[in-house]
Amino acid sequence: MPTADESSRAPAPIDDLPSLEAGRIRLRGFREADFENFHTLHADPRVMRYWSFPAWTERSQARARFADAVSGRDPDDKLCWAVAQTNDDRLIGGVTLFSIDRTQGSAGIGYALHCDH
């Protein structure tokens, strides 16, 4: 049985996010191989129309955000999933659970999806 100290500790970051699959799409952790599609997604003004920053015009803008998505595996901060097609595992979007507040049982959610999908 955990002690009071053990049960009050924040959960450790998740090494590997659980994958969720439904029909034609899969939610999974981001991988380095996703970078090109991640950049293309966020460089599209149609995708970024309602986002918190404008569409990227240079690849360098994507690098820090991509690193953040790859490491976004902290159940007390944010969880980032890549949205991929099940047939070829190609990234077509992303979903982020953020501002996680376990005390209130609340969080925000954001997503981006390639316009073809």
PDB file of N, CA and C in Angstrom:
ATOM      1  N   MET A   1       0.847  -1.179   0.000  1.00  0.00           N
ATOM      2  CA  MET A   1       0.000   0.000   0.000  1.00  0.00           C
ATOM      3  C   MET A   1       0.892   1.241   0.000  1.00  0.00           C
ATOM      4  N   PRO A   2       0.608   2.242  -0.874  1.00  0.00           N
ATOM      5  CA  PRO A   2       1.467   3.418  -0.933  1.00  0.00           C
ATOM      6  C   PRO A   2       1.330   4.281   0.307  1.00  0.00           C
ATOM      7  N   THR A   3       2.428   4.912   0.674  1.00  0.00           N
ATOM      8  CA  THR A   3       2.407   5.849   1.794  1.00  0.00           C
ATOM      9  C   THR A   3       1.795   7.154   1.318  1.00  0.00           C
ATOM     10  N   ALA A   4       1.509   8.075   2.243  1.00  0.00           N
ATOM     11  CA  ALA A   4       0.945   9.378   1.875  1.00  0.00           C
ATOM     12  C   ALA A   4       1.880  10.119   0.938  1.00  0.00           C
ATOM     13  N   ASP A   5       3.191  10.018   1.190  1.00  0.00           N
ATOM     14  CA  ASP A   5       4.153  10.688   0.321  1.00  0.00           C
ATOM     15  C   ASP A   5       4.115  10.113  -1.089  1.00  0.00           C
ATOM     16  N   GLU A   6       4.015   8.803  -1.196  1.00  0.00           N
ATOM     17  CA  GLU A   6       4.018   8.162  -2.516  1.00  0.00           C
ATOM     18  C   GLU A   6       2.759   8.486  -3.303  1.00  0.00           C
ATOM     19  N   SER A   7       1.608   8.515  -2.652  1.00  0.00           N
ATOM     20  CA  SER A   7       0.377   8.752  -3.377  1.00  0.00           C
ATOM     21  C   SER A   7       0.181  10.222  -3.744  1.00  0.00           C
ATOM     22  N   SER A   8       0.915  11.141  -3.108  1.00  0.00           N
ATOM     23  CA  SER A   8       0.764  12.553  -3.436  1.00  0.00           C
ATOM     24  C   SER A   8       1.757  13.007  -4.500  1.00  0.00           C
ATOM     25  N   ARG A   9       2.674  12.157  -4.886  1.00  0.00           N
ATOM     26  CA  ARG A   9       3.633  12.510  -5.935  1.00  0.00           C
ATOM     27  C   ARG A   9       2.955  12.597  -7.293  1.00  0.00           C
ATOM     28  N   ALA A  10       3.438  13.512  -8.108  1.00  0.00           N
ATOM     29  CA  ALA A  10       2.909  13.640  -9.468  1.00  0.00           C
ATOM     30  C   ALA A  10       3.333  12.431 -10.289  1.00  0.00           C
ATOM     31  N   PRO A  11       2.472  11.983 -11.189  1.00  0.00           N
ATOM     32  CA  PRO A  11       2.859  10.874 -12.056  1.00  0.00           C
ATOM     33  C   PRO A  11       4.081  11.242 -12.891  1.00  0.00           C
ATOM     34  N   ALA A  12       4.902  10.261 -13.151  1.00  0.00           N
ATOM     35  CA  ALA A  12       6.091  10.479 -13.982  1.00  0.00           C
ATOM     36  C   ALA A  12       5.670  10.644 -15.437  1.00  0.00           C
ATOM     37  N   PRO A  13       6.488  11.344 -16.227  1.00  0.00           N
ATOM     38  CA  PRO A  13       6.179  11.434 -17.660  1.00  0.00           C
ATOM     39  C   PRO A  13       6.033  10.037 -18.272  1.00  0.00           C
ATOM     40  N   ILE A  14       5.197   9.952 -19.258  1.00  0.00           N
ATOM     41  CA  ILE A  14       4.932   8.684 -19.940  1.00  0.00           C
ATOM     42  C   ILE A  14       6.020   8.457 -20.980  1.00  0.00           C
ATOM     43  N   ASP A  15       6.676   7.298 -20.915  1.00  0.00           N
ATOM     44  CA  ASP A  15       7.710   6.985 -21.901  1.00  0.00           C
ATOM     45  C   ASP A  15       7.109   6.692 -23.263  1.00  0.00           C
ATOM     46  N   ASP A  16       5.976   6.024 -23.279  1.00  0.00           N
ATOM     47  CA  ASP A  16       5.352   5.667 -24.542  1.00  0.00           C
ATOM     48  C   ASP A  16       3.846   5.851 -24.400  1.00  0.00           C
ATOM     49  N   LEU A  17       3.294   6.772 -25.154  1.00  0.00           N
ATOM     50  CA  LEU A  17       1.853   7.012 -25.090  1.00  0.00           C
ATOM     51  C   LEU A  17       1.093   5.795 -25.586  1.00  0.00           C
ATOM     52  N   PRO A  18      -0.071   5.559 -25.026  1.00  0.00           N
ATOM     53  CA  PRO A  18      -0.894   4.487 -25.580  1.00  0.00           C
ATOM     54  C   PRO A  18      -1.393   4.891 -26.960  1.00  0.00           C
ATOM     55  N   SER A  19      -1.451   3.937 -27.859  1.00  0.00           N
ATOM     56  CA  SER A  19      -2.016   4.179 -29.185  1.00  0.00           C
ATOM     57  C   SER A  19      -3.502   3.880 -29.135  1.00  0.00           C
ATOM     58  N   LEU A  20      -4.263   4.677 -29.855  1.00  0.00           N
ATOM     59  CA  LEU A  20      -5.708   4.484 -29.946  1.00  0.00           C
ATOM     60  C   LEU A  20      -6.035   4.363 -31.428  1.00  0.00           C
ATOM     61  N   GLU A  21      -6.753   3.330 -31.794  1.00  0.00           N
ATOM     62  CA  GLU A  21      -7.042   3.102 -33.208  1.00  0.00           C
ATOM     63  C   GLU A  21      -8.537   2.958 -33.418  1.00  0.00           C
ATOM     64  N   ALA A  22      -9.035   3.616 -34.461  1.00  0.00           N
ATOM     65  CA  ALA A  22     -10.457   3.531 -34.798  1.00  0.00           C
ATOM     66  C   ALA A  22     -10.606   3.695 -36.308  1.00  0.00           C
ATOM     67  N   GLY A  23     -11.000   2.640 -36.959  1.00  0.00           N
ATOM     68  CA  GLY A  23     -11.232   2.726 -38.402  1.00  0.00           C
ATOM     69  C   GLY A  23      -9.984   3.100 -39.178  1.00  0.00           C
ATOM     70  N   ARG A  24     -10.029   4.276 -39.812  1.00  0.00           N
ATOM     71  CA  ARG A  24      -8.944   4.690 -40.703  1.00  0.00           C
ATOM     72  C   ARG A  24      -7.835   5.485 -40.024  1.00  0.00           C
ATOM     73  N   ILE A  25      -8.009   5.825 -38.735  1.00  0.00           N
ATOM     74  CA  ILE A  25      -6.973   6.627 -38.081  1.00  0.00           C
ATOM     75  C   ILE A  25      -6.455   5.986 -36.799  1.00  0.00           C
ATOM     76  N   ARG A  26      -5.260   6.415 -36.440  1.00  0.00           N
ATOM     77  CA  ARG A  26      -4.593   5.945 -35.224  1.00  0.00           C
ATOM     78  C   ARG A  26      -4.023   7.177 -34.523  1.00  0.00           C
ATOM     79  N   LEU A  27      -4.203   7.262 -33.215  1.00  0.00           N
ATOM     80  CA  LEU A  27      -3.512   8.249 -32.398  1.00  0.00           C
ATOM     81  C   LEU A  27      -2.330   7.545 -31.773  1.00  0.00           C
ATOM     82  N   ARG A  28      -1.148   8.126 -31.931  1.00  0.00           N
ATOM     83  CA  ARG A  28       0.086   7.535 -31.420  1.00  0.00           C
ATOM     84  C   ARG A  28       1.045   8.660 -31.078  1.00  0.00           C
ATOM     85  N   GLY A  29       2.130   8.328 -30.425  1.00  0.00           N
ATOM     86  CA  GLY A  29       3.154   9.327 -30.143  1.00  0.00           C
ATOM     87  C   GLY A  29       3.816   9.801 -31.423  1.00  0.00           C
ATOM     88  N   PHE A  30       4.322  11.041 -31.383  1.00  0.00           N
ATOM     89  CA  PHE A  30       5.064  11.572 -32.530  1.00  0.00           C
ATOM     90  C   PHE A  30       6.403  10.867 -32.654  1.00  0.00           C
ATOM     91  N   ARG A  31       6.880  10.748 -33.886  1.00  0.00           N
ATOM     92  CA  ARG A  31       8.183  10.146 -34.191  1.00  0.00           C
ATOM     93  C   ARG A  31       8.981  11.106 -35.052  1.00  0.00           C
ATOM     94  N   GLU A  32      10.291  10.978 -35.019  1.00  0.00           N
ATOM     95  CA  GLU A  32      11.150  11.857 -35.819  1.00  0.00           C
ATOM     96  C   GLU A  32      10.767  11.806 -37.297  1.00  0.00           C
ATOM     97  N   ALA A  33      10.343  10.656 -37.773  1.00  0.00           N
ATOM     98  CA  ALA A  33       9.955  10.509 -39.183  1.00  0.00           C
ATOM     99  C   ALA A  33       8.724  11.341 -39.544  1.00  0.00           C
ATOM    100  N   ASP A  34       8.013  11.881 -38.560  1.00  0.00           N
ATOM    101  CA  ASP A  34       6.822  12.688 -38.796  1.00  0.00           C
ATOM    102  C   ASP A  34       7.135  14.148 -39.112  1.00  0.00           C
ATOM    103  N   PHE A  35       8.387  14.566 -38.985  1.00  0.00           N
ATOM    104  CA  PHE A  35       8.711  15.989 -39.068  1.00  0.00           C
ATOM    105  C   PHE A  35       8.234  16.660 -40.355  1.00  0.00           C
ATOM    106  N   GLU A  36       8.494  16.069 -41.498  1.00  0.00           N
ATOM    107  CA  GLU A  36       8.109  16.703 -42.765  1.00  0.00           C
ATOM    108  C   GLU A  36       6.604  16.945 -42.835  1.00  0.00           C
ATOM    109  N   ASN A  37       5.826  15.941 -42.486  1.00  0.00           N
ATOM    110  CA  ASN A  37       4.372  16.091 -42.527  1.00  0.00           C
ATOM    111  C   ASN A  37       3.882  17.064 -41.453  1.00  0.00           C
ATOM    112  N   PHE A  38       4.540  17.095 -40.296  1.00  0.00           N
ATOM    113  CA  PHE A  38       4.219  18.047 -39.232  1.00  0.00           C
ATOM    114  C   PHE A  38       4.432  19.475 -39.737  1.00  0.00           C
ATOM    115  N   HIS A  39       5.565  19.701 -40.378  1.00  0.00           N
ATOM    116  CA  HIS A  39       5.856  21.033 -40.924  1.00  0.00           C
ATOM    117  C   HIS A  39       4.838  21.420 -41.994  1.00  0.00           C
ATOM    118  N   THR A  40       4.557  20.521 -42.910  1.00  0.00           N
ATOM    119  CA  THR A  40       3.597  20.788 -43.981  1.00  0.00           C
ATOM    120  C   THR A  40       2.224  21.132 -43.411  1.00  0.00           C
ATOM    121  N   LEU A  41       1.799  20.394 -42.408  1.00  0.00           N
ATOM    122  CA  LEU A  41       0.507  20.632 -41.764  1.00  0.00           C
ATOM    123  C   LEU A  41       0.424  22.052 -41.218  1.00  0.00           C
ATOM    124  N   HIS A  42       1.446  22.462 -40.463  1.00  0.00           N
ATOM    125  CA  HIS A  42       1.432  23.766 -39.802  1.00  0.00           C
ATOM    126  C   HIS A  42       1.837  24.922 -40.728  1.00  0.00           C
ATOM    127  N   ALA A  43       2.248  24.615 -41.929  1.00  0.00           N
ATOM    128  CA  ALA A  43       2.555  25.658 -42.918  1.00  0.00           C
ATOM    129  C   ALA A  43       1.340  25.977 -43.786  1.00  0.00           C
ATOM    130  N   ASP A  44       0.270  25.240 -43.624  1.00  0.00           N
ATOM    131  CA  ASP A  44      -0.938  25.436 -44.426  1.00  0.00           C
ATOM    132  C   ASP A  44      -1.841  26.484 -43.756  1.00  0.00           C
ATOM    133  N   PRO A  45      -2.049  27.639 -44.399  1.00  0.00           N
ATOM    134  CA  PRO A  45      -2.896  28.679 -43.801  1.00  0.00           C
ATOM    135  C   PRO A  45      -4.325  28.218 -43.517  1.00  0.00           C
ATOM    136  N   ARG A  46      -4.834  27.265 -44.291  1.00  0.00           N
ATOM    137  CA  ARG A  46      -6.192  26.762 -44.033  1.00  0.00           C
ATOM    138  C   ARG A  46      -6.249  26.004 -42.712  1.00  0.00           C
ATOM    139  N   VAL A  47      -5.230  25.222 -42.424  1.00  0.00           N
ATOM    140  CA  VAL A  47      -5.178  24.471 -41.166  1.00  0.00           C
ATOM    141  C   VAL A  47      -4.990  25.424 -39.990  1.00  0.00           C
ATOM    142  N   MET A  48      -4.183  26.445 -40.179  1.00  0.00           N
ATOM    143  CA  MET A  48      -3.801  27.341 -39.094  1.00  0.00           C
ATOM    144  C   MET A  48      -4.759  28.515 -38.889  1.00  0.00           C
ATOM    145  N   ARG A  49      -5.820  28.558 -39.640  1.00  0.00           N
ATOM    146  CA  ARG A  49      -6.754  29.690 -39.591  1.00  0.00           C
ATOM    147  C   ARG A  49      -7.214  30.039 -38.179  1.00  0.00           C
ATOM    148  N   TYR A  50      -7.516  29.068 -37.354  1.00  0.00           N
ATOM    149  CA  TYR A  50      -8.011  29.320 -35.994  1.00  0.00           C
ATOM    150  C   TYR A  50      -7.002  28.943 -34.926  1.00  0.00           C
ATOM    151  N   TRP A  51      -5.753  28.789 -35.306  1.00  0.00           N
ATOM    152  CA  TRP A  51      -4.691  28.384 -34.378  1.00  0.00           C
ATOM    153  C   TRP A  51      -4.184  29.593 -33.607  1.00  0.00           C
ATOM    154  N   SER A  52      -3.339  29.369 -32.618  1.00  0.00           N
ATOM    155  CA  SER A  52      -2.813  30.457 -31.785  1.00  0.00           C
ATOM    156  C   SER A  52      -1.595  31.147 -32.393  1.00  0.00           C
ATOM    157  N   PHE A  53      -1.143  30.717 -33.556  1.00  0.00           N
ATOM    158  CA  PHE A  53      -0.062  31.384 -34.283  1.00  0.00           C
ATOM    159  C   PHE A  53      -0.296  31.179 -35.777  1.00  0.00           C
ATOM    160  N   PRO A  54       0.268  32.059 -36.596  1.00  0.00           N
ATOM    161  CA  PRO A  54       0.038  31.944 -38.048  1.00  0.00           C
ATOM    162  C   PRO A  54       0.778  30.755 -38.660  1.00  0.00           C
ATOM    163  N   ALA A  55       0.409  30.442 -39.880  1.00  0.00           N
ATOM    164  CA  ALA A  55       1.076  29.357 -40.617  1.00  0.00           C
ATOM    165  C   ALA A  55       2.566  29.653 -40.728  1.00  0.00           C
ATOM    166  N   TRP A  56       3.368  28.599 -40.622  1.00  0.00           N
ATOM    167  CA  TRP A  56       4.815  28.758 -40.697  1.00  0.00           C
ATOM    168  C   TRP A  56       5.239  29.029 -42.131  1.00  0.00           C
ATOM    169  N   THR A  57       6.264  29.847 -42.263  1.00  0.00           N
ATOM    170  CA  THR A  57       6.808  30.137 -43.585  1.00  0.00           C
ATOM    171  C   THR A  57       8.191  29.525 -43.765  1.00  0.00           C
ATOM    172  N   GLU A  58       8.792  29.042 -42.675  1.00  0.00           N
ATOM    173  CA  GLU A  58      10.123  28.429 -42.735  1.00  0.00           C
ATOM    174  C   GLU A  58      10.172  27.157 -41.900  1.00  0.00           C
ATOM    175  N   ARG A  59      10.956  26.202 -42.377  1.00  0.00           N
ATOM    176  CA  ARG A  59      11.105  24.917 -41.664  1.00  0.00           C
ATOM    177  C   ARG A  59      11.638  25.100 -40.248  1.00  0.00           C
ATOM    178  N   SER A  60      12.493  26.091 -40.045  1.00  0.00           N
ATOM    179  CA  SER A  60      13.087  26.305 -38.716  1.00  0.00           C
ATOM    180  C   SER A  60      12.016  26.611 -37.667  1.00  0.00           C
ATOM    181  N   GLN A  61      10.895  27.178 -38.082  1.00  0.00           N
ATOM    182  CA  GLN A  61       9.815  27.468 -37.143  1.00  0.00           C
ATOM    183  C   GLN A  61       9.206  26.173 -36.587  1.00  0.00           C
ATOM    184  N   ALA A  62       9.270  25.121 -37.347  1.00  0.00           N
ATOM    185  CA  ALA A  62       8.654  23.859 -36.949  1.00  0.00           C
ATOM    186  C   ALA A  62       9.503  23.064 -35.964  1.00  0.00           C
ATOM    187  N   ARG A  63      10.811  23.246 -35.959  1.00  0.00           N
ATOM    188  CA  ARG A  63      11.698  22.372 -35.199  1.00  0.00           C
ATOM    189  C   ARG A  63      11.408  22.381 -33.700  1.00  0.00           C
ATOM    190  N   ALA A  64      11.292  23.552 -33.067  1.00  0.00           N
ATOM    191  CA  ALA A  64      11.055  23.607 -31.614  1.00  0.00           C
ATOM    192  C   ALA A  64       9.677  23.057 -31.261  1.00  0.00           C
ATOM    193  N   ARG A  65       8.685  23.411 -32.049  1.00  0.00           N
ATOM    194  CA  ARG A  65       7.327  22.905 -31.783  1.00  0.00           C
ATOM    195  C   ARG A  65       7.260  21.394 -31.971  1.00  0.00           C
ATOM    196  N   PHE A  66       7.997  20.890 -32.943  1.00  0.00           N
ATOM    197  CA  PHE A  66       8.009  19.448 -33.167  1.00  0.00           C
ATOM    198  C   PHE A  66       8.672  18.734 -31.995  1.00  0.00           C
ATOM    199  N   ALA A  67       9.792  19.261 -31.523  1.00  0.00           N
ATOM    200  CA  ALA A  67      10.468  18.667 -30.358  1.00  0.00           C
ATOM    201  C   ALA A  67       9.535  18.656 -29.156  1.00  0.00           C
ATOM    202  N   ASP A  68       8.753  19.708 -28.990  1.00  0.00           N
ATOM    203  CA  ASP A  68       7.790  19.790 -27.900  1.00  0.00           C
ATOM    204  C   ASP A  68       6.698  18.722 -28.052  1.00  0.00           C
ATOM    205  N   ALA A  69       6.238  18.508 -29.288  1.00  0.00           N
ATOM    206  CA  ALA A  69       5.220  17.482 -29.530  1.00  0.00           C
ATOM    207  C   ALA A  69       5.769  16.080 -29.269  1.00  0.00           C
ATOM    208  N   VAL A  70       7.008  15.843 -29.689  1.00  0.00           N
ATOM    209  CA  VAL A  70       7.634  14.532 -29.476  1.00  0.00           C
ATOM    210  C   VAL A  70       7.773  14.244 -27.987  1.00  0.00           C
ATOM    211  N   SER A  71       8.131  15.259 -27.205  1.00  0.00           N
ATOM    212  CA  SER A  71       8.338  15.054 -25.763  1.00  0.00           C
ATOM    213  C   SER A  71       7.075  15.306 -24.948  1.00  0.00           C
ATOM    214  N   GLY A  72       5.966  15.652 -25.582  1.00  0.00           N
ATOM    215  CA  GLY A  72       4.726  15.975 -24.876  1.00  0.00           C
ATOM    216  C   GLY A  72       4.047  14.767 -24.297  1.00  0.00           C
ATOM    217  N   ARG A  73       4.615  14.259 -23.215  1.00  0.00           N
ATOM    218  CA  ARG A  73       4.114  13.023 -22.604  1.00  0.00           C
ATOM    219  C   ARG A  73       4.110  13.116 -21.082  1.00  0.00           C
ATOM    220  N   ASP A  74       3.587  14.207 -20.561  1.00  0.00           N
ATOM    221  CA  ASP A  74       3.542  14.405 -19.115  1.00  0.00           C
ATOM    222  C   ASP A  74       2.084  14.490 -18.677  1.00  0.00           C
ATOM    223  N   PRO A  75       1.589  13.487 -17.969  1.00  0.00           N
ATOM    224  CA  PRO A  75       0.167  13.452 -17.617  1.00  0.00           C
ATOM    225  C   PRO A  75      -0.283  14.579 -16.698  1.00  0.00           C
ATOM    226  N   ASP A  76       0.624  15.375 -16.178  1.00  0.00           N
ATOM    227  CA  ASP A  76       0.241  16.529 -15.360  1.00  0.00           C
ATOM    228  C   ASP A  76       0.476  17.843 -16.083  1.00  0.00           C
ATOM    229  N   ASP A  77       0.823  17.792 -17.345  1.00  0.00           N
ATOM    230  CA  ASP A  77       1.063  19.009 -18.112  1.00  0.00           C
ATOM    231  C   ASP A  77       0.336  18.926 -19.445  1.00  0.00           C
ATOM    232  N   LYS A  78       0.812  18.054 -20.326  1.00  0.00           N
ATOM    233  CA  LYS A  78       0.169  17.897 -21.628  1.00  0.00           C
ATOM    234  C   LYS A  78       0.522  16.536 -22.218  1.00  0.00           C
ATOM    235  N   LEU A  79      -0.353  16.082 -23.085  1.00  0.00           N
ATOM    236  CA  LEU A  79      -0.161  14.836 -23.815  1.00  0.00           C
ATOM    237  C   LEU A  79      -0.406  15.122 -25.288  1.00  0.00           C
ATOM    238  N   CYS A  80       0.555  14.760 -26.133  1.00  0.00           N
ATOM    239  CA  CYS A  80       0.473  15.042 -27.564  1.00  0.00           C
ATOM    240  C   CYS A  80       0.453  13.747 -28.362  1.00  0.00           C
ATOM    241  N   TRP A  81      -0.556  13.617 -29.204  1.00  0.00           N
ATOM    242  CA  TRP A  81      -0.653  12.458 -30.091  1.00  0.00           C
ATOM    243  C   TRP A  81      -0.565  12.899 -31.539  1.00  0.00           C
ATOM    244  N   ALA A  82       0.077  12.093 -32.342  1.00  0.00           N
ATOM    245  CA  ALA A  82       0.035  12.252 -33.792  1.00  0.00           C
ATOM    246  C   ALA A  82      -1.227  11.554 -34.269  1.00  0.00           C
ATOM    247  N   VAL A  83      -1.879  12.126 -35.264  1.00  0.00           N
ATOM    248  CA  VAL A  83      -3.006  11.477 -35.931  1.00  0.00           C
ATOM    249  C   VAL A  83      -2.434  10.904 -37.224  1.00  0.00           C
ATOM    250  N   ALA A  84      -2.508   9.591 -37.368  1.00  0.00           N
ATOM    251  CA  ALA A  84      -1.924   8.922 -38.530  1.00  0.00           C
ATOM    252  C   ALA A  84      -2.967   8.023 -39.185  1.00  0.00           C
ATOM    253  N   GLN A  85      -2.782   7.801 -40.465  1.00  0.00           N
ATOM    254  CA  GLN A  85      -3.629   6.852 -41.182  1.00  0.00           C
ATOM    255  C   GLN A  85      -3.228   5.439 -40.775  1.00  0.00           C
ATOM    256  N   THR A  86      -4.179   4.559 -40.629  1.00  0.00           N
ATOM    257  CA  THR A  86      -3.835   3.193 -40.238  1.00  0.00           C
ATOM    258  C   THR A  86      -3.198   2.411 -41.378  1.00  0.00           C
ATOM    259  N   ASN A  87      -3.541   2.743 -42.628  1.00  0.00           N
ATOM    260  CA  ASN A  87      -3.025   1.938 -43.741  1.00  0.00           C
ATOM    261  C   ASN A  87      -1.533   2.161 -43.989  1.00  0.00           C
ATOM    262  N   ASP A  88      -1.016   3.376 -43.753  1.00  0.00           N
ATOM    263  CA  ASP A  88       0.407   3.619 -44.007  1.00  0.00           C
ATOM    264  C   ASP A  88       1.125   4.334 -42.845  1.00  0.00           C
ATOM    265  N   ASP A  89       0.414   4.611 -41.765  1.00  0.00           N
ATOM    266  CA  ASP A  89       0.949   5.253 -40.559  1.00  0.00           C
ATOM    267  C   ASP A  89       1.493   6.660 -40.824  1.00  0.00           C
ATOM    268  N   ARG A  90       1.050   7.299 -41.909  1.00  0.00           N
ATOM    269  CA  ARG A  90       1.492   8.650 -42.265  1.00  0.00           C
ATOM    270  C   ARG A  90       0.757   9.680 -41.421  1.00  0.00           C
ATOM    271  N   LEU A  91       1.507  10.631 -40.868  1.00  0.00           N
ATOM    272  CA  LEU A  91       0.933  11.692 -40.055  1.00  0.00           C
ATOM    273  C   LEU A  91       0.027  12.583 -40.901  1.00  0.00           C
ATOM    274  N   ILE A  92      -1.210  12.778 -40.418  1.00  0.00           N
ATOM    275  CA  ILE A  92      -2.152  13.675 -41.094  1.00  0.00           C
ATOM    276  C   ILE A  92      -2.662  14.755 -40.137  1.00  0.00           C
ATOM    277  N   GLY A  93      -2.211  14.721 -38.880  1.00  0.00           N
ATOM    278  CA  GLY A  93      -2.662  15.720 -37.921  1.00  0.00           C
ATOM    279  C   GLY A  93      -2.079  15.480 -36.549  1.00  0.00           C
ATOM    280  N   GLY A  94      -2.605  16.216 -35.594  1.00  0.00           N
ATOM    281  CA  GLY A  94      -2.156  16.077 -34.218  1.00  0.00           C
ATOM    282  C   GLY A  94      -3.259  16.462 -33.249  1.00  0.00           C
ATOM    283  N   VAL A  95      -3.211  15.887 -32.052  1.00  0.00           N
ATOM    284  CA  VAL A  95      -4.160  16.184 -30.979  1.00  0.00           C
ATOM    285  C   VAL A  95      -3.352  16.410 -29.710  1.00  0.00           C
ATOM    286  N   THR A  96      -3.681  17.478 -28.978  1.00  0.00           N
ATOM    287  CA  THR A  96      -2.989  17.767 -27.718  1.00  0.00           C
ATOM    288  C   THR A  96      -4.000  17.975 -26.607  1.00  0.00           C
ATOM    289  N   LEU A  97      -3.793  17.288 -25.517  1.00  0.00           N
ATOM    290  CA  LEU A  97      -4.528  17.506 -24.280  1.00  0.00           C
ATOM    291  C   LEU A  97      -3.616  18.385 -23.436  1.00  0.00           C
ATOM    292  N   PHE A  98      -4.063  19.599 -23.059  1.00  0.00           N
ATOM    293  CA  PHE A  98      -3.191  20.549 -22.381  1.00  0.00           C
ATOM    294  C   PHE A  98      -3.903  21.182 -21.193  1.00  0.00           C
ATOM    295  N   SER A  99      -3.151  21.941 -20.404  1.00  0.00           N
ATOM    296  CA  SER A  99      -3.684  22.573 -19.188  1.00  0.00           C
ATOM    297  C   SER A  99      -4.415  21.541 -18.340  1.00  0.00           C
ATOM    298  N   ILE A 100      -3.776  20.397 -18.179  1.00  0.00           N
ATOM    299  CA  ILE A 100      -4.378  19.308 -17.419  1.00  0.00           C
ATOM    300  C   ILE A 100      -4.425  19.703 -15.941  1.00  0.00           C
ATOM    301  N   ASP A 101      -5.610  19.634 -15.362  1.00  0.00           N
ATOM    302  CA  ASP A 101      -5.800  19.936 -13.946  1.00  0.00           C
ATOM    303  C   ASP A 101      -6.501  18.740 -13.314  1.00  0.00           C
ATOM    304  N   ARG A 102      -5.725  17.883 -12.700  1.00  0.00           N
ATOM    305  CA  ARG A 102      -6.285  16.667 -12.117  1.00  0.00           C
ATOM    306  C   ARG A 102      -7.218  16.967 -10.953  1.00  0.00           C
ATOM    307  N   THR A 103      -6.944  18.028 -10.211  1.00  0.00           N
ATOM    308  CA  THR A 103      -7.795  18.399  -9.080  1.00  0.00           C
ATOM    309  C   THR A 103      -9.201  18.752  -9.563  1.00  0.00           C
ATOM    310  N   GLN A 104      -9.274  19.505 -10.643  1.00  0.00           N
ATOM    311  CA  GLN A 104     -10.568  19.906 -11.197  1.00  0.00           C
ATOM    312  C   GLN A 104     -11.129  18.888 -12.187  1.00  0.00           C
ATOM    313  N   GLY A 105     -10.291  17.932 -12.591  1.00  0.00           N
ATOM    314  CA  GLY A 105     -10.724  16.947 -13.584  1.00  0.00           C
ATOM    315  C   GLY A 105     -10.994  17.598 -14.931  1.00  0.00           C
ATOM    316  N   SER A 106     -10.125  18.551 -15.304  1.00  0.00           N
ATOM    317  CA  SER A 106     -10.350  19.273 -16.550  1.00  0.00           C
ATOM    318  C   SER A 106      -9.063  19.388 -17.360  1.00  0.00           C
ATOM    319  N   ALA A 107      -9.234  19.690 -18.632  1.00  0.00           N
ATOM    320  CA  ALA A 107      -8.108  19.918 -19.546  1.00  0.00           C
ATOM    321  C   ALA A 107      -8.664  20.565 -20.794  1.00  0.00           C
ATOM    322  N   GLY A 108      -7.773  21.192 -21.546  1.00  0.00           N
ATOM    323  CA  GLY A 108      -8.137  21.721 -22.852  1.00  0.00           C
ATOM    324  C   GLY A 108      -7.715  20.716 -23.910  1.00  0.00           C
ATOM    325  N   ILE A 109      -8.313  20.830 -25.075  1.00  0.00           N
ATOM    326  CA  ILE A 109      -7.933  19.953 -26.171  1.00  0.00           C
ATOM    327  C   ILE A 109      -7.815  20.795 -27.442  1.00  0.00           C
ATOM    328  N   GLY A 110      -6.790  20.501 -28.204  1.00  0.00           N
ATOM    329  CA  GLY A 110      -6.597  21.170 -29.485  1.00  0.00           C
ATOM    330  C   GLY A 110      -6.225  20.131 -30.517  1.00  0.00           C
ATOM    331  N   TYR A 111      -6.565  20.412 -31.761  1.00  0.00           N
ATOM    332  CA  TYR A 111      -6.202  19.476 -32.818  1.00  0.00           C
ATOM    333  C   TYR A 111      -5.970  20.228 -34.120  1.00  0.00           C
ATOM    334  N   ALA A 112      -5.229  19.617 -34.985  1.00  0.00           N
ATOM    335  CA  ALA A 112      -5.024  20.103 -36.348  1.00  0.00           C
ATOM    336  C   ALA A 112      -5.109  18.879 -37.250  1.00  0.00           C
ATOM    337  N   LEU A 113      -5.760  19.046 -38.378  1.00  0.00           N
ATOM    338  CA  LEU A 113      -5.942  17.942 -39.309  1.00  0.00           C
ATOM    339  C   LEU A 113      -5.710  18.464 -40.725  1.00  0.00           C
ATOM    340  N   HIS A 114      -4.933  17.725 -41.500  1.00  0.00           N
ATOM    341  CA  HIS A 114      -4.668  18.107 -42.880  1.00  0.00           C
ATOM    342  C   HIS A 114      -5.995  18.285 -43.613  1.00  0.00           C
ATOM    343  N   CYS A 115      -6.094  19.318 -44.428  1.00  0.00           N
ATOM    344  CA  CYS A 115      -7.352  19.649 -45.118  1.00  0.00           C
ATOM    345  C   CYS A 115      -7.886  18.534 -46.008  1.00  0.00           C
ATOM    346  N   ASP A 116      -7.024  17.658 -46.492  1.00  0.00           N
ATOM    347  CA  ASP A 116      -7.494  16.538 -47.312  1.00  0.00           C
ATOM    348  C   ASP A 116      -8.212  15.470 -46.492  1.00  0.00           C
ATOM    349  N   HIS A 117      -8.145  15.599 -45.169  1.00  0.00           N
ATOM    350  CA  HIS A 117      -8.734  14.579 -44.310  1.00  0.00           C
ATOM    351  C   HIS A 117      -9.793  15.153 -43.402  1.00  0.00           C
TER     352      HIS A 117
END
